[in-house]
PDB file of all heavy atoms in Angstrom:
ATOM      1  N   ALA A   1       0.822  -1.189  -0.004  1.00  0.00           N
ATOM      2  CA  ALA A   1       0.013   0.005   0.017  1.00  0.00           C
ATOM      3  C   ALA A   1       0.854   1.266  -0.002  1.00  0.00           C
ATOM      4  O   ALA A   1       0.375   2.348  -0.285  1.00  0.00           O
ATOM      5  CB  ALA A   1      -0.921   0.005   1.209  1.00  0.00           C
ATOM      6  N   GLY A   2       2.157   1.108   0.299  1.00  0.00           N
ATOM      7  CA  GLY A   2       3.025   2.273   0.305  1.00  0.00           C
ATOM      8  C   GLY A   2       2.857   3.093   1.571  1.00  0.00           C
ATOM      9  O   GLY A   2       2.187   2.668   2.549  1.00  0.00           O
ATOM     10  N   SER A   3       3.307   4.322   1.535  1.00  0.00           N
ATOM     11  CA  SER A   3       3.222   5.197   2.703  1.00  0.00           C
ATOM     12  C   SER A   3       1.782   5.590   2.946  1.00  0.00           C
ATOM     13  O   SER A   3       1.029   5.855   2.056  1.00  0.00           O
ATOM     14  CB  SER A   3       4.044   6.466   2.453  1.00  0.00           C
ATOM     15  OG  SER A   3       3.872   7.337   3.564  1.00  0.00           O
ATOM     16  N   LEU A   4       1.407   5.511   4.249  1.00  0.00           N
ATOM     17  CA  LEU A   4       0.026   5.864   4.630  1.00  0.00           C
ATOM     18  C   LEU A   4      -0.042   7.305   5.183  1.00  0.00           C
ATOM     19  O   LEU A   4      -1.102   7.720   5.639  1.00  0.00           O
ATOM     20  CB  LEU A   4      -0.492   4.874   5.660  1.00  0.00           C
ATOM     21  CG  LEU A   4      -0.574   3.443   5.227  1.00  0.00           C
ATOM     22  CD1 LEU A   4      -1.181   2.575   6.292  1.00  0.00           C
ATOM     23  CD2 LEU A   4      -1.345   3.302   3.931  1.00  0.00           C
ATOM     24  N   TRP A   5       1.060   8.006   5.105  1.00  0.00           N
ATOM     25  CA  TRP A   5       1.112   9.396   5.595  1.00  0.00           C
ATOM     26  C   TRP A   5       1.753  10.340   4.595  1.00  0.00           C
ATOM     27  O   TRP A   5       2.797   9.978   4.059  1.00  0.00           O
ATOM     28  CB  TRP A   5       1.892   9.466   6.929  1.00  0.00           C
ATOM     29  CG  TRP A   5       1.169   8.835   8.045  1.00  0.00           C
ATOM     30  CD1 TRP A   5       1.188   7.496   8.402  1.00  0.00           C
ATOM     31  CD2 TRP A   5       0.240   9.485   8.940  1.00  0.00           C
ATOM     32  NE1 TRP A   5       0.373   7.307   9.462  1.00  0.00           N
ATOM     33  CE2 TRP A   5      -0.233   8.488   9.820  1.00  0.00           C
ATOM     34  CE3 TRP A   5      -0.216  10.777   9.079  1.00  0.00           C
ATOM     35  CZ2 TRP A   5      -1.158   8.755  10.789  1.00  0.00           C
ATOM     36  CZ3 TRP A   5      -1.115  11.054  10.081  1.00  0.00           C
ATOM     37  CH2 TRP A   5      -1.582  10.058  10.956  1.00  0.00           C
ATOM     38  N   LYS A   6       1.156  11.468   4.329  1.00  0.00           N
ATOM     39  CA  LYS A   6       1.738  12.504   3.497  1.00  0.00           C
ATOM     40  C   LYS A   6       2.640  13.382   4.374  1.00  0.00           C
ATOM     41  O   LYS A   6       2.360  13.603   5.542  1.00  0.00           O
ATOM     42  CB  LYS A   6       0.676  13.347   2.799  1.00  0.00           C
ATOM     43  CG  LYS A   6      -0.268  12.529   1.926  1.00  0.00           C
ATOM     44  CD  LYS A   6       0.467  12.083   0.700  1.00  0.00           C
ATOM     45  CE  LYS A   6      -0.474  11.350  -0.245  1.00  0.00           C
ATOM     46  NZ  LYS A   6       0.208  10.477  -1.137  1.00  0.00           N
ATOM     47  N   ARG A   7       3.623  13.968   3.785  1.00  0.00           N
ATOM     48  CA  ARG A   7       4.548  14.816   4.530  1.00  0.00           C
ATOM     49  C   ARG A   7       3.809  15.937   5.241  1.00  0.00           C
ATOM     50  O   ARG A   7       4.048  16.157   6.428  1.00  0.00           O
ATOM     51  CB  ARG A   7       5.583  15.429   3.566  1.00  0.00           C
ATOM     52  CG  ARG A   7       6.640  16.267   4.283  1.00  0.00           C
ATOM     53  CD  ARG A   7       7.231  17.365   3.451  1.00  0.00           C
ATOM     54  NE  ARG A   7       6.230  18.269   2.841  1.00  0.00           N
ATOM     55  CZ  ARG A   7       5.612  19.244   3.496  1.00  0.00           C
ATOM     56  NH1 ARG A   7       5.890  19.518   4.754  1.00  0.00           N
ATOM     57  NH2 ARG A   7       4.754  20.001   2.832  1.00  0.00           N
ATOM     58  N   GLY A   8       2.918  16.584   4.595  1.00  0.00           N
ATOM     59  CA  GLY A   8       2.179  17.719   5.208  1.00  0.00           C
ATOM     60  C   GLY A   8       1.324  17.286   6.395  1.00  0.00           C
ATOM     61  O   GLY A   8       1.250  17.998   7.388  1.00  0.00           O
ATOM     62  N   THR A   9       0.738  16.122   6.287  1.00  0.00           N
ATOM     63  CA  THR A   9      -0.114  15.624   7.388  1.00  0.00           C
ATOM     64  C   THR A   9       0.761  15.230   8.571  1.00  0.00           C
ATOM     65  O   THR A   9       0.425  15.507   9.726  1.00  0.00           O
ATOM     66  CB  THR A   9      -0.988  14.435   6.935  1.00  0.00           C
ATOM     67  OG1 THR A   9      -1.709  14.785   5.741  1.00  0.00           O
ATOM     68  CG2 THR A   9      -1.939  14.006   8.004  1.00  0.00           C
ATOM     69  N   LEU A  10       1.900  14.622   8.299  1.00  0.00           N
ATOM     70  CA  LEU A  10       2.839  14.281   9.366  1.00  0.00           C
ATOM     71  C   LEU A  10       3.294  15.569  10.082  1.00  0.00           C
ATOM     72  O   LEU A  10       3.350  15.625  11.314  1.00  0.00           O
ATOM     73  CB  LEU A  10       4.086  13.548   8.828  1.00  0.00           C
ATOM     74  CG  LEU A  10       3.955  12.075   8.622  1.00  0.00           C
ATOM     75  CD1 LEU A  10       5.197  11.544   7.949  1.00  0.00           C
ATOM     76  CD2 LEU A  10       3.662  11.363   9.918  1.00  0.00           C
ATOM     77  N   GLU A  11       3.631  16.587   9.295  1.00  0.00           N
ATOM     78  CA  GLU A  11       4.093  17.839   9.854  1.00  0.00           C
ATOM     79  C   GLU A  11       2.999  18.470  10.737  1.00  0.00           C
ATOM     80  O   GLU A  11       3.251  18.901  11.826  1.00  0.00           O
ATOM     81  CB  GLU A  11       4.502  18.792   8.774  1.00  0.00           C
ATOM     82  CG  GLU A  11       5.147  20.052   9.312  1.00  0.00           C
ATOM     83  CD  GLU A  11       5.776  20.904   8.225  1.00  0.00           C
ATOM     84  OE1 GLU A  11       5.798  20.537   7.058  1.00  0.00           O
ATOM     85  OE2 GLU A  11       6.228  22.027   8.579  1.00  0.00           O
ATOM     86  N   ASN A  12       1.764  18.464  10.223  1.00  0.00           N
ATOM     87  CA  ASN A  12       0.640  18.964  11.045  1.00  0.00           C
ATOM     88  C   ASN A  12       0.511  18.198  12.335  1.00  0.00           C
ATOM     89  O   ASN A  12       0.303  18.767  13.389  1.00  0.00           O
ATOM     90  CB  ASN A  12      -0.644  18.927  10.245  1.00  0.00           C
ATOM     91  CG  ASN A  12      -0.728  20.028   9.202  1.00  0.00           C
ATOM     92  OD1 ASN A  12       0.008  21.005   9.232  1.00  0.00           O
ATOM     93  ND2 ASN A  12      -1.578  19.817   8.217  1.00  0.00           N
ATOM     94  N   LEU A  13       0.542  16.863  12.255  1.00  0.00           N
ATOM     95  CA  LEU A  13       0.383  16.037  13.431  1.00  0.00           C
ATOM     96  C   LEU A  13       1.476  16.355  14.467  1.00  0.00           C
ATOM     97  O   LEU A  13       1.194  16.543  15.647  1.00  0.00           O
ATOM     98  CB  LEU A  13       0.426  14.545  13.035  1.00  0.00           C
ATOM     99  CG  LEU A  13       0.398  13.538  14.208  1.00  0.00           C
ATOM    100  CD1 LEU A  13      -0.874  13.692  15.006  1.00  0.00           C
ATOM    101  CD2 LEU A  13       0.507  12.128  13.662  1.00  0.00           C
ATOM    102  N   LEU A  14       2.722  16.415  14.012  1.00  0.00           N
ATOM    103  CA  LEU A  14       3.821  16.651  14.952  1.00  0.00           C
ATOM    104  C   LEU A  14       3.785  18.047  15.549  1.00  0.00           C
ATOM    105  O   LEU A  14       4.297  18.280  16.639  1.00  0.00           O
ATOM    106  CB  LEU A  14       5.167  16.390  14.296  1.00  0.00           C
ATOM    107  CG  LEU A  14       5.628  14.940  14.359  1.00  0.00           C
ATOM    108  CD1 LEU A  14       4.763  13.982  13.659  1.00  0.00           C
ATOM    109  CD2 LEU A  14       7.046  14.800  13.938  1.00  0.00           C
ATOM    110  N   LYS A  15       3.181  18.972  14.850  1.00  0.00           N
ATOM    111  CA  LYS A  15       3.108  20.346  15.302  1.00  0.00           C
ATOM    112  C   LYS A  15       1.823  20.603  16.148  1.00  0.00           C
ATOM    113  O   LYS A  15       1.585  21.721  16.587  1.00  0.00           O
ATOM    114  CB  LYS A  15       3.200  21.354  14.180  1.00  0.00           C
ATOM    115  CG  LYS A  15       4.612  21.370  13.570  1.00  0.00           C
ATOM    116  CD  LYS A  15       4.707  22.397  12.452  1.00  0.00           C
ATOM    117  CE  LYS A  15       6.159  22.425  11.913  1.00  0.00           C
ATOM    118  NZ  LYS A  15       6.296  23.388  10.833  1.00  0.00           N
ATOM    119  N   GLY A  16       1.001  19.559  16.289  1.00  0.00           N
ATOM    120  CA  GLY A  16      -0.220  19.684  17.090  1.00  0.00           C
ATOM    121  C   GLY A  16      -1.380  20.321  16.405  1.00  0.00           C
ATOM    122  O   GLY A  16      -2.358  20.712  17.021  1.00  0.00           O
ATOM    123  N   VAL A  17      -1.347  20.409  15.072  1.00  0.00           N
ATOM    124  CA  VAL A  17      -2.442  20.942  14.288  1.00  0.00           C
ATOM    125  C   VAL A  17      -3.472  19.796  14.179  1.00  0.00           C
ATOM    126  O   VAL A  17      -3.130  18.656  14.058  1.00  0.00           O
ATOM    127  CB  VAL A  17      -1.988  21.378  12.892  1.00  0.00           C
ATOM    128  CG1 VAL A  17      -3.138  21.822  12.020  1.00  0.00           C
ATOM    129  CG2 VAL A  17      -0.923  22.482  12.977  1.00  0.00           C
ATOM    130  N   ALA A  18      -4.766  20.159  14.238  1.00  0.00           N
ATOM    131  CA  ALA A  18      -5.822  19.189  14.198  1.00  0.00           C
ATOM    132  C   ALA A  18      -5.763  18.331  12.921  1.00  0.00           C
ATOM    133  O   ALA A  18      -5.650  18.866  11.809  1.00  0.00           O
ATOM    134  CB  ALA A  18      -7.179  19.862  14.296  1.00  0.00           C
ATOM    135  N   VAL A  19      -5.765  17.043  13.098  1.00  0.00           N
ATOM    136  CA  VAL A  19      -5.842  16.071  11.998  1.00  0.00           C
ATOM    137  C   VAL A  19      -6.909  15.022  12.331  1.00  0.00           C
ATOM    138  O   VAL A  19      -7.295  14.915  13.499  1.00  0.00           O
ATOM    139  CB  VAL A  19      -4.477  15.371  11.689  1.00  0.00           C
ATOM    140  CG1 VAL A  19      -3.414  16.421  11.303  1.00  0.00           C
ATOM    141  CG2 VAL A  19      -4.018  14.589  12.883  1.00  0.00           C
ATOM    142  N   LYS A  20      -7.284  14.235  11.337  1.00  0.00           N
ATOM    143  CA  LYS A  20      -8.233  13.178  11.574  1.00  0.00           C
ATOM    144  C   LYS A  20      -7.591  12.117  12.450  1.00  0.00           C
ATOM    145  O   LYS A  20      -6.404  11.846  12.276  1.00  0.00           O
ATOM    146  CB  LYS A  20      -8.741  12.579  10.283  1.00  0.00           C
ATOM    147  CG  LYS A  20      -9.568  13.532   9.443  1.00  0.00           C
ATOM    148  CD  LYS A  20     -10.006  12.892   8.159  1.00  0.00           C
ATOM    149  CE  LYS A  20     -10.745  13.950   7.322  1.00  0.00           C
ATOM    150  NZ  LYS A  20     -11.001  13.477   5.986  1.00  0.00           N
ATOM    151  N   PRO A  21      -8.360  11.475  13.330  1.00  0.00           N
ATOM    152  CA  PRO A  21      -7.798  10.369  14.091  1.00  0.00           C
ATOM    153  C   PRO A  21      -7.273   9.258  13.176  1.00  0.00           C
ATOM    154  O   PRO A  21      -7.972   8.901  12.210  1.00  0.00           O
ATOM    155  CB  PRO A  21      -8.964   9.849  14.931  1.00  0.00           C
ATOM    156  CG  PRO A  21      -9.909  10.982  15.003  1.00  0.00           C
ATOM    157  CD  PRO A  21      -9.742  11.756  13.720  1.00  0.00           C
ATOM    158  N   PRO A  22      -6.095   8.755  13.402  1.00  0.00           N
ATOM    159  CA  PRO A  22      -5.553   7.716  12.522  1.00  0.00           C
ATOM    160  C   PRO A  22      -6.249   6.387  12.663  1.00  0.00           C
ATOM    161  O   PRO A  22      -6.746   6.047  13.724  1.00  0.00           O
ATOM    162  CB  PRO A  22      -4.090   7.590  13.004  1.00  0.00           C
ATOM    163  CG  PRO A  22      -3.896   8.536  14.111  1.00  0.00           C
ATOM    164  CD  PRO A  22      -5.156   9.181  14.428  1.00  0.00           C
ATOM    165  N   THR A  23      -6.238   5.641  11.552  1.00  0.00           N
ATOM    166  CA  THR A  23      -6.771   4.294  11.542  1.00  0.00           C
ATOM    167  C   THR A  23      -5.702   3.336  12.130  1.00  0.00           C
ATOM    168  O   THR A  23      -4.567   3.737  12.288  1.00  0.00           O
ATOM    169  CB  THR A  23      -7.094   3.850  10.133  1.00  0.00           C
ATOM    170  OG1 THR A  23      -5.881   3.851   9.370  1.00  0.00           O
ATOM    171  CG2 THR A  23      -8.142   4.782   9.483  1.00  0.00           C
ATOM    172  N   TYR A  24      -6.104   2.098  12.379  1.00  0.00           N
ATOM    173  CA  TYR A  24      -5.102   1.107  12.840  1.00  0.00           C
ATOM    174  C   TYR A  24      -3.940   0.987  11.908  1.00  0.00           C
ATOM    175  O   TYR A  24      -2.775   1.025  12.347  1.00  0.00           O
ATOM    176  CB  TYR A  24      -5.795  -0.247  13.108  1.00  0.00           C
ATOM    177  CG  TYR A  24      -4.744  -1.276  13.552  1.00  0.00           C
ATOM    178  CD1 TYR A  24      -4.324  -1.342  14.883  1.00  0.00           C
ATOM    179  CD2 TYR A  24      -4.172  -2.141  12.640  1.00  0.00           C
ATOM    180  CE1 TYR A  24      -3.349  -2.225  15.283  1.00  0.00           C
ATOM    181  CE2 TYR A  24      -3.221  -3.038  13.015  1.00  0.00           C
ATOM    182  CZ  TYR A  24      -2.804  -3.084  14.342  1.00  0.00           C
ATOM    183  OH  TYR A  24      -1.818  -4.008  14.732  1.00  0.00           O
ATOM    184  N   PRO A  25      -4.149   0.788  10.585  1.00  0.00           N
ATOM    185  CA  PRO A  25      -2.999   0.691   9.683  1.00  0.00           C
ATOM    186  C   PRO A  25      -2.107   1.949   9.731  1.00  0.00           C
ATOM    187  O   PRO A  25      -0.894   1.864   9.638  1.00  0.00           O
ATOM    188  CB  PRO A  25      -3.606   0.499   8.281  1.00  0.00           C
ATOM    189  CG  PRO A  25      -4.955  -0.106   8.563  1.00  0.00           C
ATOM    190  CD  PRO A  25      -5.426   0.522   9.865  1.00  0.00           C
ATOM    191  N   GLN A  26      -2.723   3.155   9.894  1.00  0.00           N
ATOM    192  CA  GLN A  26      -1.924   4.352   9.959  1.00  0.00           C
ATOM    193  C   GLN A  26      -1.084   4.378  11.250  1.00  0.00           C
ATOM    194  O   GLN A  26       0.047   4.846  11.242  1.00  0.00           O
ATOM    195  CB  GLN A  26      -2.814   5.581   9.902  1.00  0.00           C
ATOM    196  CG  GLN A  26      -3.398   5.844   8.495  1.00  0.00           C
ATOM    197  CD  GLN A  26      -4.344   6.999   8.505  1.00  0.00           C
ATOM    198  OE1 GLN A  26      -5.234   7.085   9.314  1.00  0.00           O
ATOM    199  NE2 GLN A  26      -4.164   7.875   7.534  1.00  0.00           N
ATOM    200  N   LEU A  27      -1.648   3.856  12.337  1.00  0.00           N
ATOM    201  CA  LEU A  27      -0.895   3.793  13.610  1.00  0.00           C
ATOM    202  C   LEU A  27       0.284   2.803  13.462  1.00  0.00           C
ATOM    203  O   LEU A  27       1.387   3.055  13.920  1.00  0.00           O
ATOM    204  CB  LEU A  27      -1.820   3.365  14.755  1.00  0.00           C
ATOM    205  CG  LEU A  27      -2.857   4.411  15.206  1.00  0.00           C
ATOM    206  CD1 LEU A  27      -3.707   3.831  16.289  1.00  0.00           C
ATOM    207  CD2 LEU A  27      -2.139   5.670  15.718  1.00  0.00           C
TER     208      LEU A  27
END
């Protein structure tokens, strides 16, 4: 399936910006 995270979404998550709750495969 390849990467389940886009760079921008990862950056938002790490900076505490609101993102959708991750699914089990994303975790």
